[in-house]
């Protein structure tokens, strides 16, 4: 009973005094308090040097702190309070050069490679509260839609460039195929021309061979036709030669016969012997 009275007195005193130290078993529950912009490492990994403001806003959202005197600087501040844990505080400052992202400062470092782990916590920076009103959800949606349209425009431009490049490559391939077909047609025409020339030469050779054969046949026929006349001429010449030889041999034969008769008086007769006596 006394224990319950003691607890009632402790609760009564807690209503009148702040920061009352209670036993850990009956400490009050405190909800997690999250404030500012939630910026994760995955979101920061999407940032690249040269991105526009609308693209950065599309990735990280609207900054919690903006300064009208430093329009090239956006500050993203995030705090997290959990029961039984120290307060977690992060700060990310985005620096622009004109309308292009130049660098990042704060708890993360922008790099072309994978982002390095965040360095050791620093002392909280001084935050300048801007007098500009916070954008309404409608303005945020409009800005997000504008960023999305800008990204879609960039993607459409990339797709158009890729399509133009593909069309250019296809045109180059078609031109090369056309050139190859023209070369093949020229080679085929040249081969056909060579074949025609070869056939013409073979035809001319055949005609020449036929003409030579016809000439030889004609010469053989003329030779065969002239052979009987040649034989008749030869026979006539032989007969003439024999006649001439006979004509030439007749006086000699007569003289020889006379000489023989002188040698043999018995064959000369009486008249012959009388002529021999008077010296004839």
Protein backbone atom coordinates (compact mmCIF):
# COMPACT_ATOMS: atom_id res chain seq x y z
CA UNK A 1 0.00 0.00 0.00
CA UNK A 2 2.79 2.38 0.86
CA UNK A 3 4.41 1.65 -2.50
CA UNK A 4 1.31 2.83 -4.39
CA UNK A 5 1.17 5.96 -2.24
CA UNK A 6 4.80 6.68 -3.12
CA UNK A 7 4.09 6.32 -6.83
CA UNK A 8 1.09 8.64 -6.62
CA UNK A 9 3.19 11.25 -4.86
CA UNK A 10 5.90 10.95 -7.54
CA UNK A 11 3.38 11.54 -10.32
CA UNK A 12 1.95 14.50 -8.49
CA UNK A 13 5.35 16.07 -8.13
CA UNK A 14 6.16 15.47 -11.83
CA UNK A 15 3.18 17.64 -12.76
CA UNK A 16 4.67 20.58 -10.85
CA UNK A 17 8.36 20.20 -11.65
CA UNK A 18 10.17 19.86 -15.00
CA UNK A 19 12.96 17.43 -15.87
CA UNK A 20 11.99 15.02 -13.14
CA UNK A 21 14.31 12.05 -13.15
CA UNK A 22 12.20 8.92 -13.19
CA UNK A 23 13.34 5.35 -13.06
CA UNK A 24 14.32 3.97 -16.49
CA UNK A 25 11.60 1.38 -16.27
CA UNK A 26 8.87 4.01 -16.38
CA UNK A 27 10.49 6.62 -18.74
CA UNK A 28 7.96 8.32 -21.08
CA UNK A 29 7.81 7.34 -24.79
CA UNK A 30 9.05 9.86 -27.32
CA UNK A 31 8.22 9.57 -31.04
CA UNK A 32 10.88 9.88 -33.72
CA UNK A 33 11.06 13.45 -35.00
CA UNK A 34 12.23 13.92 -38.57
CA UNK A 35 12.70 17.42 -39.98
CA UNK A 36 14.07 18.90 -43.20
CA UNK A 37 14.96 17.29 -46.51
CA UNK A 38 15.51 13.54 -46.60
CA UNK A 39 18.61 13.10 -48.83
CA UNK A 40 19.89 9.55 -49.24
CA UNK A 41 23.15 8.34 -50.68
CA UNK A 42 21.27 6.85 -53.65
CA UNK A 43 19.78 10.25 -54.47
CA UNK A 44 23.17 11.95 -54.31
CA UNK A 45 24.65 9.22 -56.54
CA UNK A 46 22.34 10.37 -59.35
CA UNK A 47 23.83 13.88 -59.37
CA UNK A 48 26.35 14.69 -62.09
CA UNK A 49 28.37 17.83 -62.71
CA UNK A 50 26.65 19.93 -65.39
CA UNK A 51 23.05 19.03 -64.50
CA UNK A 52 20.50 21.87 -64.65
CA UNK A 53 18.67 23.29 -61.65
CA UNK A 54 15.43 21.61 -62.67
CA UNK A 55 17.18 18.24 -62.90
CA UNK A 56 18.75 18.69 -59.44
CA UNK A 57 15.37 19.71 -58.03
CA UNK A 58 13.81 16.62 -59.62
CA UNK A 59 16.39 14.37 -57.88
CA UNK A 60 16.68 16.03 -54.44
CA UNK A 61 13.46 18.02 -54.22
CA UNK A 62 13.17 21.69 -53.26
CA UNK A 63 15.84 22.92 -50.84
CA UNK A 64 14.85 23.63 -47.26
CA UNK A 65 16.90 26.82 -47.16
CA UNK A 66 17.38 29.29 -50.03
CA UNK A 67 19.09 32.66 -49.84
CA UNK A 68 18.02 35.45 -52.14
CA UNK A 69 21.51 36.98 -51.85
CA UNK A 70 23.18 33.70 -52.87
CA UNK A 71 21.02 32.34 -55.67
CA UNK A 72 23.75 29.88 -56.73
CA UNK A 73 23.58 28.04 -53.38
CA UNK A 74 20.94 25.57 -52.23
CA UNK A 75 21.02 24.14 -48.69
CA UNK A 76 19.42 20.85 -47.75
CA UNK A 77 19.23 20.29 -43.94
CA UNK A 78 18.00 17.10 -42.31
CA UNK A 79 17.63 16.23 -38.61
CA UNK A 80 16.44 13.02 -36.97
CA UNK A 81 15.69 12.52 -33.27
CA UNK A 82 15.14 9.00 -32.00
CA UNK A 83 14.43 7.91 -28.46
CA UNK A 84 17.56 6.84 -26.66
CA UNK A 85 19.89 7.93 -29.50
CA UNK A 86 21.79 11.14 -30.16
CA UNK A 87 20.34 13.59 -32.65
CA UNK A 88 21.34 12.84 -36.26
CA UNK A 89 22.04 15.92 -38.38
CA UNK A 90 23.01 16.13 -42.02
CA UNK A 91 23.71 19.06 -44.29
CA UNK A 92 24.11 19.17 -48.06
CA UNK A 93 24.95 22.36 -49.99
CA UNK A 94 24.55 22.42 -53.76
CA UNK A 95 26.66 25.02 -55.60
CA UNK A 96 25.66 26.11 -59.13
CA UNK A 97 27.62 27.89 -61.82
CA UNK A 98 24.90 29.75 -63.65
CA UNK A 99 22.26 27.09 -64.35
CA UNK A 100 24.67 24.11 -64.13
CA UNK A 101 25.64 22.03 -61.10
CA UNK A 102 29.24 22.78 -60.11
CA UNK A 103 29.93 20.93 -56.84
CA UNK A 104 28.53 19.70 -53.53
CA UNK A 105 29.53 20.56 -50.00
CA UNK A 106 28.59 19.16 -46.65
CA UNK A 107 28.30 15.58 -45.49
CA UNK A 108 28.68 14.09 -49.01
CA UNK A 109 31.18 14.67 -51.82
CA UNK A 110 30.25 14.71 -55.53
CA UNK A 111 32.57 12.50 -57.57
CA UNK A 112 32.60 10.94 -61.06
CA UNK A 113 33.21 7.59 -59.34
CA UNK A 114 31.18 6.00 -56.56
CA UNK A 115 30.54 8.49 -53.77
CA UNK A 116 32.97 8.34 -50.91
CA UNK A 117 31.64 7.57 -47.42
CA UNK A 118 30.64 10.69 -45.49
CA UNK A 119 33.39 12.22 -43.35
CA UNK A 120 33.22 12.66 -39.62
CA UNK A 121 30.39 14.90 -38.39
CA UNK A 122 31.24 18.58 -38.29
CA UNK A 123 29.88 21.31 -36.15
CA UNK A 124 26.47 22.43 -37.35
CA UNK A 125 26.76 25.34 -39.77
CA UNK A 126 25.00 28.61 -39.38
CA UNK A 127 21.72 28.51 -41.27
CA UNK A 128 20.30 31.65 -42.79
CA UNK A 129 16.54 31.58 -42.92
CA UNK A 130 15.19 32.99 -46.16
CA UNK A 131 12.26 35.35 -46.18
CA UNK A 132 10.89 33.74 -49.31
CA UNK A 133 7.69 31.76 -48.78
CA UNK A 134 7.92 28.02 -48.94
CA UNK A 135 6.61 26.64 -52.25
CA UNK A 136 3.12 25.25 -52.11
CA UNK A 137 2.44 21.62 -53.01
CA UNK A 138 0.96 22.83 -56.28
CA UNK A 139 4.16 24.71 -57.13
CA UNK A 140 6.19 21.67 -56.10
CA UNK A 141 4.08 19.48 -58.40
CA UNK A 142 4.45 22.00 -61.22
CA UNK A 143 8.23 22.10 -60.75
CA UNK A 144 8.37 18.31 -60.61
CA UNK A 145 6.30 18.13 -63.81
CA UNK A 146 8.62 20.67 -65.46
CA UNK A 147 11.66 18.66 -64.40
CA UNK A 148 10.01 15.48 -65.67
CA UNK A 149 9.17 17.20 -68.98
CA UNK A 150 12.77 18.41 -69.24
CA UNK A 151 14.04 14.89 -68.61
CA UNK A 152 11.57 13.52 -71.18
CA UNK A 153 12.76 16.16 -73.65
CA UNK A 154 16.36 15.13 -73.08
CA UNK A 155 15.44 11.46 -73.52
CA UNK A 156 13.51 12.30 -76.72
CA UNK A 157 16.51 14.22 -78.05
CA UNK A 158 18.77 11.26 -77.27
CA UNK A 159 16.33 8.87 -78.95
CA UNK A 160 16.11 11.14 -82.01
CA UNK A 161 19.91 11.35 -82.19
CA UNK A 162 20.18 7.56 -81.87
CA UNK A 163 17.53 7.13 -84.56
CA UNK A 164 19.34 9.57 -86.87
CA UNK A 165 22.61 7.76 -86.27
CA UNK A 166 20.94 4.41 -87.04
CA UNK A 167 19.41 5.87 -90.21
CA UNK A 168 22.82 7.21 -91.20
CA UNK A 169 24.39 3.80 -90.64
CA UNK A 170 21.60 2.15 -92.66
CA UNK A 171 22.12 4.66 -95.50
CA UNK A 172 25.87 3.97 -95.43
CA UNK A 173 25.19 0.21 -95.56
CA UNK A 174 22.76 0.67 -98.45
CA UNK A 175 25.30 2.83 -100.29
CA UNK A 176 28.00 0.21 -99.73
CA UNK A 177 25.64 -2.55 -100.94
CA UNK A 178 24.80 -0.46 -104.01
CA UNK A 179 28.50 0.07 -104.74
CA UNK A 180 29.14 -3.68 -104.32
CA UNK A 181 26.24 -4.48 -106.67
CA UNK A 182 27.60 -1.99 -109.23
CA UNK A 183 31.06 -3.54 -109.00
CA UNK A 184 29.58 -7.03 -109.34
CA UNK A 185 27.52 -5.93 -112.37
CA UNK A 186 30.60 -4.35 -113.95
CA UNK A 187 32.62 -7.51 -113.33
CA UNK A 188 29.81 -9.63 -114.80
CA UNK A 189 29.58 -7.37 -117.86
CA UNK A 190 33.35 -7.52 -118.29
CA UNK A 191 33.25 -11.33 -118.03
CA UNK A 192 30.39 -11.48 -120.57
CA UNK A 193 32.37 -9.20 -122.88
CA UNK A 194 35.44 -11.42 -122.54
CA UNK A 195 33.31 -14.51 -123.24
CA UNK A 196 31.80 -12.82 -126.32
CA UNK A 197 35.27 -11.87 -127.56
CA UNK A 198 36.46 -15.43 -126.97
CA UNK A 199 33.44 -16.86 -128.84
CA UNK A 200 34.04 -14.40 -131.70
CA UNK A 201 37.70 -15.41 -131.88
CA UNK A 202 36.72 -19.11 -131.87
CA UNK A 203 34.19 -18.44 -134.63
CA UNK A 204 36.80 -16.59 -136.67
CA UNK A 205 39.27 -19.47 -136.19
CA UNK A 206 36.62 -21.98 -137.25
CA UNK A 207 35.79 -19.88 -140.33
CA UNK A 208 39.46 -19.61 -141.15
CA UNK A 209 39.91 -23.38 -140.75
CA UNK A 210 36.86 -24.02 -142.97
CA UNK A 211 38.23 -21.66 -145.61
CA UNK A 212 41.62 -23.38 -145.53
CA UNK A 213 39.94 -26.78 -145.81
CA UNK A 214 37.83 -25.55 -148.74
CA UNK A 215 40.94 -24.17 -150.45
CA UNK A 216 42.73 -27.48 -149.94
CA UNK A 217 39.73 -29.39 -151.32
CA UNK A 218 39.57 -27.08 -154.33
CA UNK A 219 43.30 -27.49 -154.95
CA UNK A 220 42.93 -31.27 -154.71
CA UNK A 221 40.03 -31.18 -157.16
CA UNK A 222 41.94 -28.97 -159.60
CA UNK A 223 44.98 -31.22 -159.24
CA UNK A 224 42.85 -34.31 -159.89
CA UNK A 225 41.25 -32.58 -162.88
CA UNK A 226 44.62 -31.57 -164.32
CA UNK A 227 46.19 -35.03 -163.83
CA UNK A 228 44.66 -36.64 -167.04
CA UNK A 229 45.66 -33.67 -169.18
CA UNK A 230 49.12 -33.80 -167.69
CA UNK A 231 49.33 -37.52 -168.46
CA UNK A 232 48.12 -36.96 -172.04
CA UNK A 233 50.67 -34.20 -172.49
CA UNK A 234 53.36 -36.45 -171.09
CA UNK A 235 52.36 -39.30 -173.40
CA UNK A 236 52.32 -36.96 -176.40
CA UNK A 237 55.72 -35.62 -175.45
CA UNK A 238 57.01 -39.17 -175.12
CA UNK A 239 55.57 -40.07 -178.55
CA UNK A 240 57.12 -36.97 -180.09
CA UNK A 241 60.43 -37.78 -178.50
CA UNK A 242 60.24 -41.36 -179.76
CA UNK A 243 59.35 -40.14 -183.25
CA UNK A 244 62.20 -37.66 -183.18
CA UNK A 245 64.53 -40.36 -181.98
CA UNK A 246 63.30 -42.62 -184.75
CA UNK A 247 63.77 -39.86 -187.31
CA UNK A 248 67.27 -39.24 -186.07
CA UNK A 249 68.09 -42.94 -185.99
CA UNK A 250 66.84 -43.72 -189.60
CA UNK A 251 69.86 -42.20 -191.51
CA UNK A 252 72.25 -43.77 -189.10
CA UNK A 253 70.58 -47.13 -189.57
CA UNK A 254 70.75 -46.68 -193.33
CA UNK A 255 74.42 -45.82 -193.17
CA UNK A 256 75.01 -48.75 -190.90
CA UNK A 257 73.16 -51.03 -193.31
CA UNK A 258 75.21 -49.70 -196.23
CA UNK A 259 78.38 -50.25 -194.33
CA UNK A 260 77.29 -53.74 -193.52
CA UNK A 261 76.47 -54.35 -197.16
CA UNK A 262 79.94 -53.25 -198.20
CA UNK A 263 81.41 -55.64 -195.78
CA UNK A 264 79.25 -58.46 -197.11
CA UNK A 265 79.23 -58.34 -200.96
CA UNK A 266 76.96 -61.34 -201.17
CA UNK A 267 74.16 -59.26 -199.87
CA UNK A 268 74.63 -56.31 -202.28
CA UNK A 269 73.65 -57.99 -205.48
CA UNK A 270 75.11 -57.55 -208.91
CA UNK A 271 74.48 -53.87 -209.09
CA UNK A 272 76.10 -53.33 -205.83
CA UNK A 273 79.15 -55.22 -206.72
CA UNK A 274 79.46 -53.16 -209.95
CA UNK A 275 79.33 -49.99 -207.94
CA UNK A 276 81.99 -51.30 -205.59
CA UNK A 277 84.29 -51.90 -208.55
CA UNK A 278 84.01 -48.40 -209.93
CA UNK A 279 84.53 -46.94 -206.48
CA UNK A 280 80.94 -46.20 -205.21
